[in-house]
Amino acid sequence: MKRKHRLRTPAEFQRVREAAPRGWPHPLLVLYVAPNDADATRFGITVSRRVGKAVVRNKVRRRLREALRARLARMASSLDVLVIARPAAARATWSELNLAVDVLLRKSSATTSPEAKV
């Protein structure tokens, strides 16, 4: 994912968490969406140690990054999206993570098209 599409500093992550009107929970993930002043949609992914050891956390992070990158074209502009992985995400398959991302983006109205399938 290109640099302009990423949340980079802890302050940006915190701002999204506080500015989001609410969080959308799922058994695998939690999604926060907040408007931003930039001209691009930006993503941040948080995978805590509760999810697993470093190898597992990095695998979950890579999968989420790819799932979000594939949906970037259908995202509404000028949004900051924060995805927090829950421990169950470590045991989830690629298709389960994709489905969770689709469901949460649809619930949050962050996608511009009604069909959010890849």
N, C-alpha and C. Protein backbone atom coordinates (compact mmCIF):
# COMPACT_ATOMS: atom_id res chain seq x y z
N MET A 1 0.85 -1.16 0.00
CA MET A 1 0.00 0.00 0.00
C MET A 1 0.91 1.24 0.00
N LYS A 2 0.59 2.20 -0.83
CA LYS A 2 1.42 3.39 -0.95
C LYS A 2 1.37 4.22 0.34
N ARG A 3 2.41 5.00 0.52
CA ARG A 3 2.58 5.78 1.74
C ARG A 3 1.41 6.75 1.98
N LYS A 4 0.86 7.32 0.92
CA LYS A 4 -0.23 8.28 1.10
C LYS A 4 -1.52 7.62 1.57
N HIS A 5 -1.57 6.29 1.51
CA HIS A 5 -2.77 5.55 1.93
C HIS A 5 -2.59 4.88 3.29
N ARG A 6 -1.57 5.30 4.06
CA ARG A 6 -1.32 4.68 5.35
C ARG A 6 -1.37 5.70 6.48
N LEU A 7 -1.91 5.28 7.60
CA LEU A 7 -1.77 6.03 8.84
C LEU A 7 -0.40 5.65 9.39
N ARG A 8 0.40 6.64 9.82
CA ARG A 8 1.77 6.33 10.18
C ARG A 8 2.12 6.61 11.63
N THR A 9 1.58 7.64 12.21
CA THR A 9 2.01 7.99 13.56
C THR A 9 0.99 7.55 14.60
N PRO A 10 1.44 7.32 15.82
CA PRO A 10 0.49 6.97 16.89
C PRO A 10 -0.59 8.03 17.07
N ALA A 11 -0.25 9.29 16.84
CA ALA A 11 -1.24 10.37 16.97
C ALA A 11 -2.35 10.22 15.93
N GLU A 12 -2.01 9.79 14.72
CA GLU A 12 -3.04 9.58 13.69
C GLU A 12 -3.96 8.43 14.07
N PHE A 13 -3.39 7.36 14.59
CA PHE A 13 -4.21 6.23 15.03
C PHE A 13 -5.15 6.67 16.16
N GLN A 14 -4.62 7.41 17.10
CA GLN A 14 -5.43 7.87 18.23
C GLN A 14 -6.53 8.82 17.78
N ARG A 15 -6.23 9.70 16.83
CA ARG A 15 -7.23 10.64 16.32
C ARG A 15 -8.40 9.90 15.67
N VAL A 16 -8.10 8.86 14.90
CA VAL A 16 -9.17 8.08 14.26
C VAL A 16 -10.03 7.42 15.32
N ARG A 17 -9.40 6.85 16.31
CA ARG A 17 -10.15 6.15 17.36
C ARG A 17 -11.07 7.12 18.11
N GLU A 18 -10.60 8.33 18.36
CA GLU A 18 -11.40 9.31 19.10
C GLU A 18 -12.42 10.02 18.21
N ALA A 19 -12.08 10.25 16.94
CA ALA A 19 -12.97 11.00 16.04
C ALA A 19 -14.06 10.13 15.43
N ALA A 20 -13.87 8.83 15.43
CA ALA A 20 -14.88 7.95 14.86
C ALA A 20 -16.14 8.01 15.71
N PRO A 21 -17.29 8.15 15.06
CA PRO A 21 -18.53 8.22 15.84
C PRO A 21 -18.81 6.95 16.62
N ARG A 22 -18.33 5.83 16.10
CA ARG A 22 -18.50 4.54 16.78
C ARG A 22 -17.56 3.53 16.16
N GLY A 23 -17.46 2.37 16.79
CA GLY A 23 -16.68 1.27 16.25
C GLY A 23 -17.63 0.18 15.79
N TRP A 24 -17.25 -0.51 14.71
CA TRP A 24 -18.07 -1.61 14.22
C TRP A 24 -17.35 -2.91 14.56
N PRO A 25 -17.93 -3.68 15.49
CA PRO A 25 -17.27 -4.93 15.92
C PRO A 25 -17.64 -6.12 15.05
N HIS A 26 -16.74 -7.07 15.02
CA HIS A 26 -16.91 -8.36 14.34
C HIS A 26 -16.10 -9.34 15.19
N PRO A 27 -16.42 -10.62 15.16
CA PRO A 27 -15.62 -11.56 15.97
C PRO A 27 -14.12 -11.56 15.63
N LEU A 28 -13.76 -11.18 14.40
CA LEU A 28 -12.36 -11.18 14.00
C LEU A 28 -11.70 -9.81 14.06
N LEU A 29 -12.48 -8.75 13.86
CA LEU A 29 -11.93 -7.40 13.71
C LEU A 29 -12.82 -6.37 14.37
N VAL A 30 -12.27 -5.18 14.56
CA VAL A 30 -13.04 -4.00 14.94
C VAL A 30 -12.64 -2.90 13.96
N LEU A 31 -13.62 -2.16 13.46
CA LEU A 31 -13.36 -1.13 12.46
C LEU A 31 -13.79 0.23 12.98
N TYR A 32 -12.91 1.23 12.80
CA TYR A 32 -13.23 2.62 13.12
C TYR A 32 -13.03 3.43 11.85
N VAL A 33 -13.97 4.31 11.54
CA VAL A 33 -13.89 5.15 10.35
C VAL A 33 -14.14 6.59 10.76
N ALA A 34 -13.23 7.48 10.35
CA ALA A 34 -13.36 8.91 10.66
C ALA A 34 -13.00 9.72 9.41
N PRO A 35 -13.63 10.86 9.23
CA PRO A 35 -13.26 11.71 8.09
C PRO A 35 -11.87 12.31 8.31
N ASN A 36 -11.19 12.63 7.21
CA ASN A 36 -9.88 13.28 7.31
C ASN A 36 -9.81 14.49 6.39
N ASP A 37 -8.77 15.27 6.52
CA ASP A 37 -8.58 16.46 5.70
C ASP A 37 -7.73 16.18 4.46
N ALA A 38 -7.21 14.99 4.35
CA ALA A 38 -6.38 14.63 3.20
C ALA A 38 -7.27 14.32 2.00
N ASP A 39 -6.67 14.24 0.84
CA ASP A 39 -7.44 13.94 -0.37
C ASP A 39 -7.52 12.45 -0.65
N ALA A 40 -6.95 11.63 0.21
CA ALA A 40 -6.92 10.18 0.00
C ALA A 40 -7.46 9.46 1.23
N THR A 41 -7.98 8.27 1.00
CA THR A 41 -8.38 7.40 2.09
C THR A 41 -7.12 6.75 2.65
N ARG A 42 -7.00 6.74 3.98
CA ARG A 42 -5.82 6.16 4.63
C ARG A 42 -6.25 5.03 5.55
N PHE A 43 -5.39 4.02 5.65
CA PHE A 43 -5.66 2.84 6.46
C PHE A 43 -4.61 2.68 7.55
N GLY A 44 -5.05 2.17 8.69
CA GLY A 44 -4.15 1.79 9.76
C GLY A 44 -4.57 0.43 10.27
N ILE A 45 -3.61 -0.42 10.56
CA ILE A 45 -3.89 -1.77 11.04
C ILE A 45 -3.16 -1.96 12.36
N THR A 46 -3.90 -2.42 13.37
CA THR A 46 -3.32 -2.69 14.68
C THR A 46 -3.52 -4.17 15.00
N VAL A 47 -2.41 -4.83 15.32
CA VAL A 47 -2.45 -6.23 15.71
C VAL A 47 -1.64 -6.34 17.00
N SER A 48 -2.33 -6.53 18.12
CA SER A 48 -1.65 -6.55 19.42
C SER A 48 -1.02 -7.91 19.72
N ARG A 49 -0.26 -7.97 20.79
CA ARG A 49 0.39 -9.21 21.20
C ARG A 49 -0.61 -10.28 21.62
N ARG A 50 -1.83 -9.87 21.94
CA ARG A 50 -2.85 -10.86 22.31
C ARG A 50 -3.20 -11.76 21.13
N VAL A 51 -2.95 -11.29 19.92
CA VAL A 51 -3.26 -12.07 18.72
C VAL A 51 -2.30 -13.25 18.59
N GLY A 52 -1.05 -13.05 18.95
CA GLY A 52 -0.08 -14.14 18.87
C GLY A 52 1.34 -13.60 18.84
N LYS A 53 2.27 -14.50 18.57
CA LYS A 53 3.67 -14.09 18.49
C LYS A 53 3.91 -13.32 17.19
N ALA A 54 5.12 -12.83 17.01
CA ALA A 54 5.43 -11.92 15.91
C ALA A 54 5.10 -12.49 14.54
N VAL A 55 5.39 -13.74 14.31
CA VAL A 55 5.12 -14.35 13.01
C VAL A 55 3.63 -14.34 12.71
N VAL A 56 2.83 -14.67 13.70
CA VAL A 56 1.38 -14.70 13.54
C VAL A 56 0.84 -13.29 13.34
N ARG A 57 1.31 -12.34 14.13
CA ARG A 57 0.85 -10.95 13.99
C ARG A 57 1.17 -10.40 12.61
N ASN A 58 2.38 -10.67 12.13
CA ASN A 58 2.76 -10.19 10.81
C ASN A 58 1.94 -10.83 9.70
N LYS A 59 1.60 -12.09 9.85
CA LYS A 59 0.76 -12.77 8.86
C LYS A 59 -0.63 -12.13 8.81
N VAL A 60 -1.21 -11.87 9.97
CA VAL A 60 -2.52 -11.22 10.03
C VAL A 60 -2.43 -9.83 9.43
N ARG A 61 -1.39 -9.09 9.76
CA ARG A 61 -1.21 -7.73 9.23
C ARG A 61 -1.08 -7.74 7.71
N ARG A 62 -0.30 -8.66 7.16
CA ARG A 62 -0.14 -8.75 5.70
C ARG A 62 -1.46 -9.08 5.02
N ARG A 63 -2.20 -10.01 5.60
CA ARG A 63 -3.50 -10.38 5.01
C ARG A 63 -4.47 -9.21 5.04
N LEU A 64 -4.54 -8.50 6.15
CA LEU A 64 -5.45 -7.36 6.25
C LEU A 64 -5.03 -6.25 5.28
N ARG A 65 -3.74 -5.99 5.19
CA ARG A 65 -3.26 -4.96 4.27
C ARG A 65 -3.65 -5.28 2.83
N GLU A 66 -3.52 -6.54 2.43
CA GLU A 66 -3.89 -6.94 1.07
C GLU A 66 -5.40 -6.86 0.86
N ALA A 67 -6.17 -7.26 1.85
CA ALA A 67 -7.63 -7.18 1.73
C ALA A 67 -8.08 -5.73 1.58
N LEU A 68 -7.48 -4.82 2.32
CA LEU A 68 -7.84 -3.41 2.22
C LEU A 68 -7.35 -2.79 0.92
N ARG A 69 -6.15 -3.16 0.49
CA ARG A 69 -5.61 -2.65 -0.76
C ARG A 69 -6.50 -3.01 -1.94
N ALA A 70 -7.04 -4.21 -1.94
CA ALA A 70 -7.91 -4.66 -3.02
C ALA A 70 -9.22 -3.88 -3.06
N ARG A 71 -9.62 -3.30 -1.95
CA ARG A 71 -10.89 -2.56 -1.87
C ARG A 71 -10.70 -1.05 -1.94
N LEU A 72 -9.49 -0.60 -2.11
CA LEU A 72 -9.18 0.82 -2.08
C LEU A 72 -9.95 1.60 -3.15
N ALA A 73 -10.11 1.04 -4.33
CA ALA A 73 -10.80 1.75 -5.42
C ALA A 73 -12.27 1.99 -5.11
N ARG A 74 -12.86 1.15 -4.28
CA ARG A 74 -14.29 1.29 -3.96
C ARG A 74 -14.55 2.08 -2.68
N MET A 75 -13.49 2.57 -2.05
CA MET A 75 -13.65 3.29 -0.80
C MET A 75 -14.06 4.73 -1.06
N ALA A 76 -14.88 5.27 -0.17
CA ALA A 76 -15.21 6.70 -0.23
C ALA A 76 -13.93 7.49 0.04
N SER A 77 -13.82 8.66 -0.54
CA SER A 77 -12.59 9.43 -0.39
C SER A 77 -12.58 10.20 0.93
N SER A 78 -11.40 10.60 1.33
CA SER A 78 -11.17 11.41 2.54
C SER A 78 -11.64 10.74 3.82
N LEU A 79 -11.29 9.48 3.97
CA LEU A 79 -11.60 8.75 5.19
C LEU A 79 -10.32 8.19 5.79
N ASP A 80 -10.30 8.08 7.10
CA ASP A 80 -9.26 7.33 7.80
C ASP A 80 -9.93 6.09 8.36
N VAL A 81 -9.37 4.93 8.04
CA VAL A 81 -9.94 3.65 8.45
C VAL A 81 -8.94 2.95 9.34
N LEU A 82 -9.37 2.58 10.54
CA LEU A 82 -8.53 1.86 11.48
C LEU A 82 -9.11 0.47 11.69
N VAL A 83 -8.29 -0.55 11.45
CA VAL A 83 -8.71 -1.94 11.63
C VAL A 83 -7.91 -2.52 12.78
N ILE A 84 -8.61 -3.06 13.77
CA ILE A 84 -7.97 -3.68 14.91
C ILE A 84 -8.28 -5.17 14.87
N ALA A 85 -7.23 -5.98 14.84
CA ALA A 85 -7.40 -7.43 14.79
C ALA A 85 -7.65 -7.98 16.18
N ARG A 86 -8.60 -8.89 16.28
CA ARG A 86 -8.86 -9.59 17.53
C ARG A 86 -8.12 -10.93 17.52
N PRO A 87 -7.96 -11.55 18.67
CA PRO A 87 -7.21 -12.81 18.72
C PRO A 87 -7.72 -13.91 17.77
N ALA A 88 -9.01 -13.94 17.51
CA ALA A 88 -9.56 -14.96 16.61
C ALA A 88 -9.06 -14.80 15.18
N ALA A 89 -8.57 -13.62 14.82
CA ALA A 89 -8.06 -13.38 13.48
C ALA A 89 -6.84 -14.25 13.18
N ALA A 90 -6.12 -14.66 14.20
CA ALA A 90 -4.94 -15.50 14.01
C ALA A 90 -5.31 -16.87 13.47
N ARG A 91 -6.49 -17.36 13.80
CA ARG A 91 -6.93 -18.68 13.36
C ARG A 91 -7.82 -18.61 12.13
N ALA A 92 -8.13 -17.41 11.66
CA ALA A 92 -9.04 -17.24 10.54
C ALA A 92 -8.34 -17.53 9.21
N THR A 93 -9.11 -18.04 8.27
CA THR A 93 -8.58 -18.26 6.92
C THR A 93 -8.62 -16.95 6.15
N TRP A 94 -7.98 -16.96 4.99
CA TRP A 94 -7.98 -15.78 4.12
C TRP A 94 -9.40 -15.39 3.73
N SER A 95 -10.22 -16.33 3.39
CA SER A 95 -11.59 -16.01 2.98
C SER A 95 -12.42 -15.47 4.15
N GLU A 96 -12.18 -15.97 5.35
CA GLU A 96 -12.90 -15.45 6.52
C GLU A 96 -12.50 -14.01 6.82
N LEU A 97 -11.21 -13.69 6.68
CA LEU A 97 -10.77 -12.31 6.90
C LEU A 97 -11.34 -11.38 5.82
N ASN A 98 -11.35 -11.84 4.57
CA ASN A 98 -11.95 -11.06 3.49
C ASN A 98 -13.41 -10.77 3.75
N LEU A 99 -14.13 -11.78 4.17
CA LEU A 99 -15.56 -11.62 4.46
C LEU A 99 -15.76 -10.65 5.61
N ALA A 100 -14.94 -10.74 6.64
CA ALA A 100 -15.05 -9.83 7.78
C ALA A 100 -14.80 -8.38 7.36
N VAL A 101 -13.80 -8.16 6.51
CA VAL A 101 -13.51 -6.81 6.01
C VAL A 101 -14.70 -6.30 5.20
N ASP A 102 -15.25 -7.15 4.31
CA ASP A 102 -16.41 -6.75 3.51
C ASP A 102 -17.59 -6.36 4.38
N VAL A 103 -17.90 -7.19 5.37
CA VAL A 103 -19.04 -6.95 6.25
C VAL A 103 -18.87 -5.63 7.00
N LEU A 104 -17.69 -5.41 7.55
CA LEU A 104 -17.46 -4.19 8.34
C LEU A 104 -17.47 -2.94 7.47
N LEU A 105 -16.88 -3.00 6.28
CA LEU A 105 -16.89 -1.84 5.40
C LEU A 105 -18.32 -1.51 4.94
N ARG A 106 -19.10 -2.54 4.72
CA ARG A 106 -20.50 -2.33 4.33
C ARG A 106 -21.29 -1.71 5.48
N LYS A 107 -21.09 -2.22 6.70
CA LYS A 107 -21.80 -1.68 7.87
C LYS A 107 -21.43 -0.22 8.12
N SER A 108 -20.17 0.12 7.92
CA SER A 108 -19.71 1.47 8.21
C SER A 108 -20.01 2.45 7.07
N SER A 109 -20.50 1.96 5.96
CA SER A 109 -20.78 2.78 4.77
C SER A 109 -19.50 3.44 4.24
N ALA A 110 -18.38 2.78 4.39
CA ALA A 110 -17.12 3.33 3.90
C ALA A 110 -16.90 3.02 2.42
N THR A 111 -17.65 2.10 1.84
CA THR A 111 -17.51 1.79 0.43
C THR A 111 -18.51 2.60 -0.37
N THR A 112 -18.13 2.90 -1.62
CA THR A 112 -19.01 3.69 -2.47
C THR A 112 -19.95 2.82 -3.30
N SER A 113 -19.59 1.57 -3.50
CA SER A 113 -20.45 0.69 -4.29
C SER A 113 -21.23 -0.23 -3.36
N PRO A 114 -22.46 -0.60 -3.75
CA PRO A 114 -23.24 -1.48 -2.88
C PRO A 114 -22.67 -2.88 -2.78
N GLU A 115 -21.96 -3.34 -3.80
CA GLU A 115 -21.39 -4.68 -3.79
C GLU A 115 -19.92 -4.58 -3.41
N ALA A 116 -19.55 -5.14 -2.28
CA ALA A 116 -18.17 -5.02 -1.79
C ALA A 116 -17.40 -6.32 -1.89
N LYS A 117 -17.77 -7.17 -2.81
CA LYS A 117 -17.07 -8.44 -2.99
C LYS A 117 -15.85 -8.25 -3.88
N VAL A 118 -14.84 -9.08 -3.64
CA VAL A 118 -13.63 -9.03 -4.47
C VAL A 118 -13.67 -10.16 -5.44
